[in-house]
Amino acid sequence: MEIKNLSYEDAIIELENILDELELGECTLAESLEKYKKGILLHRHCNEILSAAEGEVKVLLANEKDILDELDFLREAEDEY
């Protein structure tokens, strides 16, 4: 499966597997380099997913703040009467 199609959780599992393999020290230099490159790509993919999730949370919080501000405004208007 292509890295771009992996879920965050699957990408983390794959990244952890690569780290385990590299830590064993049984790979050739060429294999280690390929695993390292794949690890970098997985890391970037995970960061992109996290950034997107952070953006969604910020939008949700902004929307919630607008709703709460609107409710506060309505309460203040009711208190004036």
PDB file of N, CA and C in Angstrom:
ATOM      1  N   MET A   1       0.847  -1.183   0.000  1.00  0.00           N
ATOM      2  CA  MET A   1       0.000   0.000   0.000  1.00  0.00           C
ATOM      3  C   MET A   1       0.893   1.247   0.000  1.00  0.00           C
ATOM      4  N   GLU A   2       0.497   2.237  -0.750  1.00  0.00           N
ATOM      5  CA  GLU A   2       1.252   3.481  -0.805  1.00  0.00           C
ATOM      6  C   GLU A   2       1.151   4.216   0.524  1.00  0.00           C
ATOM      7  N   ILE A   3       2.204   4.921   0.870  1.00  0.00           N
ATOM      8  CA  ILE A   3       2.249   5.644   2.139  1.00  0.00           C
ATOM      9  C   ILE A   3       1.105   6.644   2.237  1.00  0.00           C
ATOM     10  N   LYS A   4       0.820   7.347   1.145  1.00  0.00           N
ATOM     11  CA  LYS A   4      -0.226   8.379   1.182  1.00  0.00           C
ATOM     12  C   LYS A   4      -1.607   7.803   1.488  1.00  0.00           C
ATOM     13  N   ASN A   5      -1.783   6.502   1.332  1.00  0.00           N
ATOM     14  CA  ASN A   5      -3.074   5.865   1.605  1.00  0.00           C
ATOM     15  C   ASN A   5      -3.159   5.263   3.002  1.00  0.00           C
ATOM     16  N   LEU A   6      -2.065   5.342   3.763  1.00  0.00           N
ATOM     17  CA  LEU A   6      -2.061   4.757   5.106  1.00  0.00           C
ATOM     18  C   LEU A   6      -2.760   5.669   6.100  1.00  0.00           C
ATOM     19  N   SER A   7      -3.459   5.070   7.036  1.00  0.00           N
ATOM     20  CA  SER A   7      -4.008   5.843   8.143  1.00  0.00           C
ATOM     21  C   SER A   7      -2.849   6.239   9.055  1.00  0.00           C
ATOM     22  N   TYR A   8      -3.097   7.170   9.937  1.00  0.00           N
ATOM     23  CA  TYR A   8      -2.064   7.601  10.884  1.00  0.00           C
ATOM     24  C   TYR A   8      -1.561   6.413  11.697  1.00  0.00           C
ATOM     25  N   GLU A   9      -2.499   5.627  12.204  1.00  0.00           N
ATOM     26  CA  GLU A   9      -2.136   4.489  13.049  1.00  0.00           C
ATOM     27  C   GLU A   9      -1.299   3.460  12.295  1.00  0.00           C
ATOM     28  N   ASP A  10      -1.694   3.159  11.061  1.00  0.00           N
ATOM     29  CA  ASP A  10      -0.936   2.194  10.255  1.00  0.00           C
ATOM     30  C   ASP A  10       0.459   2.724   9.919  1.00  0.00           C
ATOM     31  N   ALA A  11       0.551   4.013   9.649  1.00  0.00           N
ATOM     32  CA  ALA A  11       1.851   4.612   9.338  1.00  0.00           C
ATOM     33  C   ALA A  11       2.770   4.558  10.556  1.00  0.00           C
ATOM     34  N   ILE A  12       2.218   4.800  11.735  1.00  0.00           N
ATOM     35  CA  ILE A  12       3.019   4.734  12.967  1.00  0.00           C
ATOM     36  C   ILE A  12       3.511   3.312  13.196  1.00  0.00           C
ATOM     37  N   ILE A  13       2.644   2.337  12.985  1.00  0.00           N
ATOM     38  CA  ILE A  13       3.047   0.930  13.159  1.00  0.00           C
ATOM     39  C   ILE A  13       4.185   0.591  12.201  1.00  0.00           C
ATOM     40  N   GLU A  14       4.046   1.025  10.954  1.00  0.00           N
ATOM     41  CA  GLU A  14       5.083   0.743   9.965  1.00  0.00           C
ATOM     42  C   GLU A  14       6.395   1.448  10.337  1.00  0.00           C
ATOM     43  N   LEU A  15       6.281   2.666  10.821  1.00  0.00           N
ATOM     44  CA  LEU A  15       7.464   3.410  11.245  1.00  0.00           C
ATOM     45  C   LEU A  15       8.149   2.720  12.426  1.00  0.00           C
ATOM     46  N   GLU A  16       7.355   2.249  13.382  1.00  0.00           N
ATOM     47  CA  GLU A  16       7.916   1.526  14.531  1.00  0.00           C
ATOM     48  C   GLU A  16       8.606   0.237  14.085  1.00  0.00           C
ATOM     49  N   ASN A  17       8.033  -0.452  13.119  1.00  0.00           N
ATOM     50  CA  ASN A  17       8.661  -1.672  12.591  1.00  0.00           C
ATOM     51  C   ASN A  17      10.012  -1.366  11.948  1.00  0.00           C
ATOM     52  N   ILE A  18      10.067  -0.275  11.206  1.00  0.00           N
ATOM     53  CA  ILE A  18      11.328   0.124  10.580  1.00  0.00           C
ATOM     54  C   ILE A  18      12.367   0.437  11.651  1.00  0.00           C
ATOM     55  N   LEU A  19      11.952   1.162  12.677  1.00  0.00           N
ATOM     56  CA  LEU A  19      12.886   1.488  13.763  1.00  0.00           C
ATOM     57  C   LEU A  19      13.412   0.227  14.434  1.00  0.00           C
ATOM     58  N   ASP A  20      12.520  -0.712  14.683  1.00  0.00           N
ATOM     59  CA  ASP A  20      12.941  -1.981  15.300  1.00  0.00           C
ATOM     60  C   ASP A  20      13.973  -2.694  14.429  1.00  0.00           C
ATOM     61  N   GLU A  21      13.714  -2.742  13.117  1.00  0.00           N
ATOM     62  CA  GLU A  21      14.630  -3.415  12.194  1.00  0.00           C
ATOM     63  C   GLU A  21      15.988  -2.712  12.155  1.00  0.00           C
ATOM     64  N   LEU A  22      15.967  -1.383  12.151  1.00  0.00           N
ATOM     65  CA  LEU A  22      17.225  -0.640  12.115  1.00  0.00           C
ATOM     66  C   LEU A  22      18.009  -0.805  13.417  1.00  0.00           C
ATOM     67  N   GLU A  23      17.287  -0.842  14.534  1.00  0.00           N
ATOM     68  CA  GLU A  23      17.956  -0.995  15.826  1.00  0.00           C
ATOM     69  C   GLU A  23      18.620  -2.357  15.979  1.00  0.00           C
ATOM     70  N   LEU A  24      18.092  -3.364  15.310  1.00  0.00           N
ATOM     71  CA  LEU A  24      18.715  -4.691  15.369  1.00  0.00           C
ATOM     72  C   LEU A  24      20.096  -4.687  14.716  1.00  0.00           C
ATOM     73  N   GLY A  25      20.287  -3.795  13.754  1.00  0.00           N
ATOM     74  CA  GLY A  25      21.576  -3.667  13.096  1.00  0.00           C
ATOM     75  C   GLY A  25      21.925  -4.803  12.160  1.00  0.00           C
ATOM     76  N   GLU A  26      20.930  -5.546  11.716  1.00  0.00           N
ATOM     77  CA  GLU A  26      21.180  -6.695  10.841  1.00  0.00           C
ATOM     78  C   GLU A  26      20.998  -6.378   9.359  1.00  0.00           C
ATOM     79  N   CYS A  27      20.631  -5.162   9.046  1.00  0.00           N
ATOM     80  CA  CYS A  27      20.419  -4.767   7.649  1.00  0.00           C
ATOM     81  C   CYS A  27      21.748  -4.351   7.032  1.00  0.00           C
ATOM     82  N   THR A  28      21.829  -4.534   5.732  1.00  0.00           N
ATOM     83  CA  THR A  28      22.996  -4.012   5.017  1.00  0.00           C
ATOM     84  C   THR A  28      22.887  -2.490   4.982  1.00  0.00           C
ATOM     85  N   LEU A  29      23.961  -1.850   4.573  1.00  0.00           N
ATOM     86  CA  LEU A  29      23.945  -0.393   4.468  1.00  0.00           C
ATOM     87  C   LEU A  29      22.868   0.063   3.488  1.00  0.00           C
ATOM     88  N   ALA A  30      22.785  -0.605   2.354  1.00  0.00           N
ATOM     89  CA  ALA A  30      21.783  -0.242   1.339  1.00  0.00           C
ATOM     90  C   ALA A  30      20.366  -0.431   1.880  1.00  0.00           C
ATOM     91  N   GLU A  31      20.126  -1.537   2.582  1.00  0.00           N
ATOM     92  CA  GLU A  31      18.800  -1.786   3.169  1.00  0.00           C
ATOM     93  C   GLU A  31      18.482  -0.739   4.232  1.00  0.00           C
ATOM     94  N   SER A  32      19.480  -0.419   5.037  1.00  0.00           N
ATOM     95  CA  SER A  32      19.286   0.587   6.087  1.00  0.00           C
ATOM     96  C   SER A  32      18.930   1.935   5.484  1.00  0.00           C
ATOM     97  N   LEU A  33      19.609   2.291   4.408  1.00  0.00           N
ATOM     98  CA  LEU A  33      19.332   3.557   3.742  1.00  0.00           C
ATOM     99  C   LEU A  33      17.916   3.589   3.182  1.00  0.00           C
ATOM    100  N   GLU A  34      17.478   2.495   2.565  1.00  0.00           N
ATOM    101  CA  GLU A  34      16.110   2.420   2.033  1.00  0.00           C
ATOM    102  C   GLU A  34      15.077   2.510   3.159  1.00  0.00           C
ATOM    103  N   LYS A  35      15.337   1.826   4.250  1.00  0.00           N
ATOM    104  CA  LYS A  35      14.414   1.874   5.392  1.00  0.00           C
ATOM    105  C   LYS A  35      14.370   3.282   5.985  1.00  0.00           C
ATOM    106  N   TYR A  36      15.534   3.923   6.048  1.00  0.00           N
ATOM    107  CA  TYR A  36      15.603   5.289   6.559  1.00  0.00           C
ATOM    108  C   TYR A  36      14.772   6.231   5.687  1.00  0.00           C
ATOM    109  N   LYS A  37      14.931   6.111   4.372  1.00  0.00           N
ATOM    110  CA  LYS A  37      14.153   6.944   3.444  1.00  0.00           C
ATOM    111  C   LYS A  37      12.658   6.721   3.632  1.00  0.00           C
ATOM    112  N   LYS A  38      12.269   5.457   3.750  1.00  0.00           N
ATOM    113  CA  LYS A  38      10.846   5.153   3.946  1.00  0.00           C
ATOM    114  C   LYS A  38      10.368   5.712   5.282  1.00  0.00           C
ATOM    115  N   GLY A  39      11.220   5.633   6.294  1.00  0.00           N
ATOM    116  CA  GLY A  39      10.870   6.193   7.600  1.00  0.00           C
ATOM    117  C   GLY A  39      10.638   7.691   7.533  1.00  0.00           C
ATOM    118  N   ILE A  40      11.472   8.390   6.773  1.00  0.00           N
ATOM    119  CA  ILE A  40      11.300   9.837   6.598  1.00  0.00           C
ATOM    120  C   ILE A  40       9.969  10.130   5.917  1.00  0.00           C
ATOM    121  N   LEU A  41       9.641   9.365   4.893  1.00  0.00           N
ATOM    122  CA  LEU A  41       8.363   9.559   4.194  1.00  0.00           C
ATOM    123  C   LEU A  41       7.179   9.276   5.119  1.00  0.00           C
ATOM    124  N   LEU A  42       7.293   8.232   5.928  1.00  0.00           N
ATOM    125  CA  LEU A  42       6.227   7.917   6.886  1.00  0.00           C
ATOM    126  C   LEU A  42       6.085   9.033   7.916  1.00  0.00           C
ATOM    127  N   HIS A  43       7.207   9.552   8.383  1.00  0.00           N
ATOM    128  CA  HIS A  43       7.192  10.648   9.357  1.00  0.00           C
ATOM    129  C   HIS A  43       6.493  11.876   8.773  1.00  0.00           C
ATOM    130  N   ARG A  44       6.835  12.224   7.545  1.00  0.00           N
ATOM    131  CA  ARG A  44       6.189  13.369   6.878  1.00  0.00           C
ATOM    132  C   ARG A  44       4.691  13.138   6.723  1.00  0.00           C
ATOM    133  N   HIS A  45       4.334  11.920   6.342  1.00  0.00           N
ATOM    134  CA  HIS A  45       2.916  11.583   6.167  1.00  0.00           C
ATOM    135  C   HIS A  45       2.164  11.751   7.490  1.00  0.00           C
ATOM    136  N   CYS A  46       2.748  11.246   8.566  1.00  0.00           N
ATOM    137  CA  CYS A  46       2.114  11.378   9.887  1.00  0.00           C
ATOM    138  C   CYS A  46       1.966  12.847  10.272  1.00  0.00           C
ATOM    139  N   ASN A  47       2.999  13.651  10.012  1.00  0.00           N
ATOM    140  CA  ASN A  47       2.920  15.079  10.326  1.00  0.00           C
ATOM    141  C   ASN A  47       1.837  15.775   9.516  1.00  0.00           C
ATOM    142  N   GLU A  48       1.678  15.388   8.254  1.00  0.00           N
ATOM    143  CA  GLU A  48       0.618  15.970   7.425  1.00  0.00           C
ATOM    144  C   GLU A  48      -0.759  15.628   7.985  1.00  0.00           C
ATOM    145  N   ILE A  49      -0.924  14.387   8.410  1.00  0.00           N
ATOM    146  CA  ILE A  49      -2.207  13.972   8.990  1.00  0.00           C
ATOM    147  C   ILE A  49      -2.479  14.750  10.275  1.00  0.00           C
ATOM    148  N   LEU A  50      -1.453  14.885  11.118  1.00  0.00           N
ATOM    149  CA  LEU A  50      -1.618  15.623  12.371  1.00  0.00           C
ATOM    150  C   LEU A  50      -1.916  17.099  12.114  1.00  0.00           C
ATOM    151  N   SER A  51      -1.262  17.690  11.136  1.00  0.00           N
ATOM    152  CA  SER A  51      -1.521  19.094  10.798  1.00  0.00           C
ATOM    153  C   SER A  51      -2.955  19.290  10.316  1.00  0.00           C
ATOM    154  N   ALA A  52      -3.429  18.362   9.506  1.00  0.00           N
ATOM    155  CA  ALA A  52      -4.812  18.443   9.024  1.00  0.00           C
ATOM    156  C   ALA A  52      -5.792  18.315  10.188  1.00  0.00           C
ATOM    157  N   ALA A  53      -5.509  17.404  11.102  1.00  0.00           N
ATOM    158  CA  ALA A  53      -6.380  17.222  12.264  1.00  0.00           C
ATOM    159  C   ALA A  53      -6.356  18.474  13.142  1.00  0.00           C
ATOM    160  N   GLU A  54      -5.180  19.058  13.310  1.00  0.00           N
ATOM    161  CA  GLU A  54      -5.070  20.285  14.098  1.00  0.00           C
ATOM    162  C   GLU A  54      -5.888  21.406  13.469  1.00  0.00           C
ATOM    163  N   GLY A  55      -5.838  21.505  12.138  1.00  0.00           N
ATOM    164  CA  GLY A  55      -6.628  22.512  11.440  1.00  0.00           C
ATOM    165  C   GLY A  55      -8.116  22.310  11.654  1.00  0.00           C
ATOM    166  N   GLU A  56      -8.564  21.068  11.620  1.00  0.00           N
ATOM    167  CA  GLU A  56      -9.982  20.778  11.857  1.00  0.00           C
ATOM    168  C   GLU A  56     -10.392  21.164  13.269  1.00  0.00           C
ATOM    169  N   VAL A  57      -9.534  20.864  14.230  1.00  0.00           N
ATOM    170  CA  VAL A  57      -9.840  21.208  15.623  1.00  0.00           C
ATOM    171  C   VAL A  57      -9.923  22.723  15.776  1.00  0.00           C
ATOM    172  N   LYS A  58      -9.001  23.444  15.142  1.00  0.00           N
ATOM    173  CA  LYS A  58      -9.031  24.909  15.227  1.00  0.00           C
ATOM    174  C   LYS A  58     -10.319  25.464  14.636  1.00  0.00           C
ATOM    175  N   VAL A  59     -10.760  24.904  13.518  1.00  0.00           N
ATOM    176  CA  VAL A  59     -12.019  25.352  12.904  1.00  0.00           C
ATOM    177  C   VAL A  59     -13.181  25.067  13.846  1.00  0.00           C
ATOM    178  N   LEU A  60     -13.192  23.877  14.421  1.00  0.00           N
ATOM    179  CA  LEU A  60     -14.270  23.528  15.347  1.00  0.00           C
ATOM    180  C   LEU A  60     -14.276  24.449  16.557  1.00  0.00           C
ATOM    181  N   LEU A  61     -13.095  24.735  17.090  1.00  0.00           N
ATOM    182  CA  LEU A  61     -13.012  25.631  18.242  1.00  0.00           C
ATOM    183  C   LEU A  61     -13.440  27.043  17.875  1.00  0.00           C
ATOM    184  N   ALA A  62     -13.057  27.496  16.689  1.00  0.00           N
ATOM    185  CA  ALA A  62     -13.460  28.828  16.243  1.00  0.00           C
ATOM    186  C   ALA A  62     -14.973  28.890  16.084  1.00  0.00           C
ATOM    187  N   ASN A  63     -15.553  27.853  15.486  1.00  0.00           N
ATOM    188  CA  ASN A  63     -17.007  27.814  15.331  1.00  0.00           C
ATOM    189  C   ASN A  63     -17.687  27.782  16.685  1.00  0.00           C
ATOM    190  N   GLU A  64     -17.129  27.008  17.613  1.00  0.00           N
ATOM    191  CA  GLU A  64     -17.712  26.933  18.948  1.00  0.00           C
ATOM    192  C   GLU A  64     -17.622  28.286  19.637  1.00  0.00           C
ATOM    193  N   LYS A  65     -16.497  28.979  19.491  1.00  0.00           N
ATOM    194  CA  LYS A  65     -16.337  30.298  20.104  1.00  0.00           C
ATOM    195  C   LYS A  65     -17.355  31.267  19.534  1.00  0.00           C
ATOM    196  N   ASP A  66     -17.557  31.243  18.212  1.00  0.00           N
ATOM    197  CA  ASP A  66     -18.544  32.123  17.591  1.00  0.00           C
ATOM    198  C   ASP A  66     -19.935  31.838  18.141  1.00  0.00           C
ATOM    199  N   ILE A  67     -20.267  30.580  18.293  1.00  0.00           N
ATOM    200  CA  ILE A  67     -21.578  30.206  18.834  1.00  0.00           C
ATOM    201  C   ILE A  67     -21.707  30.687  20.270  1.00  0.00           C
ATOM    202  N   LEU A  68     -20.653  30.476  21.070  1.00  0.00           N
ATOM    203  CA  LEU A  68     -20.696  30.915  22.463  1.00  0.00           C
ATOM    204  C   LEU A  68     -20.771  32.434  22.556  1.00  0.00           C
ATOM    205  N   ASP A  69     -20.012  33.141  21.702  1.00  0.00           N
ATOM    206  CA  ASP A  69     -20.082  34.603  21.692  1.00  0.00           C
ATOM    207  C   ASP A  69     -21.485  35.063  21.324  1.00  0.00           C
ATOM    208  N   GLU A  70     -22.099  34.388  20.355  1.00  0.00           N
ATOM    209  CA  GLU A  70     -23.452  34.743  19.941  1.00  0.00           C
ATOM    210  C   GLU A  70     -24.437  34.498  21.080  1.00  0.00           C
ATOM    211  N   LEU A  71     -24.283  33.383  21.784  1.00  0.00           N
ATOM    212  CA  LEU A  71     -25.164  33.097  22.915  1.00  0.00           C
ATOM    213  C   LEU A  71     -24.993  34.134  24.013  1.00  0.00           C
ATOM    214  N   ASP A  72     -23.741  34.521  24.289  1.00  0.00           N
ATOM    215  CA  ASP A  72     -23.498  35.556  25.293  1.00  0.00           C
ATOM    216  C   ASP A  72     -24.156  36.865  24.883  1.00  0.00           C
ATOM    217  N   PHE A  73     -24.051  37.210  23.601  1.00  0.00           N
ATOM    218  CA  PHE A  73     -24.662  38.429  23.091  1.00  0.00           C
ATOM    219  C   PHE A  73     -26.176  38.375  23.272  1.00  0.00           C
ATOM    220  N   LEU A  74     -26.782  37.226  22.968  1.00  0.00           N
ATOM    221  CA  LEU A  74     -28.230  37.082  23.117  1.00  0.00           C
ATOM    222  C   LEU A  74     -28.634  37.187  24.579  1.00  0.00           C
ATOM    223  N   ARG A  75     -27.857  36.608  25.469  1.00  0.00           N
ATOM    224  CA  ARG A  75     -28.162  36.692  26.905  1.00  0.00           C
ATOM    225  C   ARG A  75     -28.077  38.134  27.390  1.00  0.00           C
ATOM    226  N   GLU A  76     -27.047  38.855  26.927  1.00  0.00           N
ATOM    227  CA  GLU A  76     -26.905  40.257  27.314  1.00  0.00           C
ATOM    228  C   GLU A  76     -28.092  41.065  26.817  1.00  0.00           C
ATOM    229  N   ALA A  77     -28.540  40.786  25.610  1.00  0.00           N
ATOM    230  CA  ALA A  77     -29.684  41.498  25.043  1.00  0.00           C
ATOM    231  C   ALA A  77     -30.942  41.197  25.851  1.00  0.00           C
ATOM    232  N   GLU A  78     -31.118  39.953  26.294  1.00  0.00           N
ATOM    233  CA  GLU A  78     -32.281  39.583  27.096  1.00  0.00           C
ATOM    234  C   GLU A  78     -32.233  40.257  28.459  1.00  0.00           C
ATOM    235  N   ASP A  79     -31.050  40.379  29.028  1.00  0.00           N
ATOM    236  CA  ASP A  79     -30.898  41.004  30.341  1.00  0.00           C
ATOM    237  C   ASP A  79     -31.227  42.488  30.307  1.00  0.00           C
ATOM    238  N   GLU A  80     -31.101  43.118  29.158  1.00  0.00           N
ATOM    239  CA  GLU A  80     -31.374  44.543  29.042  1.00  0.00           C
ATOM    240  C   GLU A  80     -32.867  44.842  29.084  1.00  0.00           C
ATOM    241  N   TYR A  81     -33.692  43.839  28.816  1.00  0.00           N
ATOM    242  CA  TYR A  81     -35.143  44.076  28.785  1.00  0.00           C
ATOM    243  C   TYR A  81     -35.760  43.830  30.095  1.00  0.00           C
TER     244      TYR A  81
END
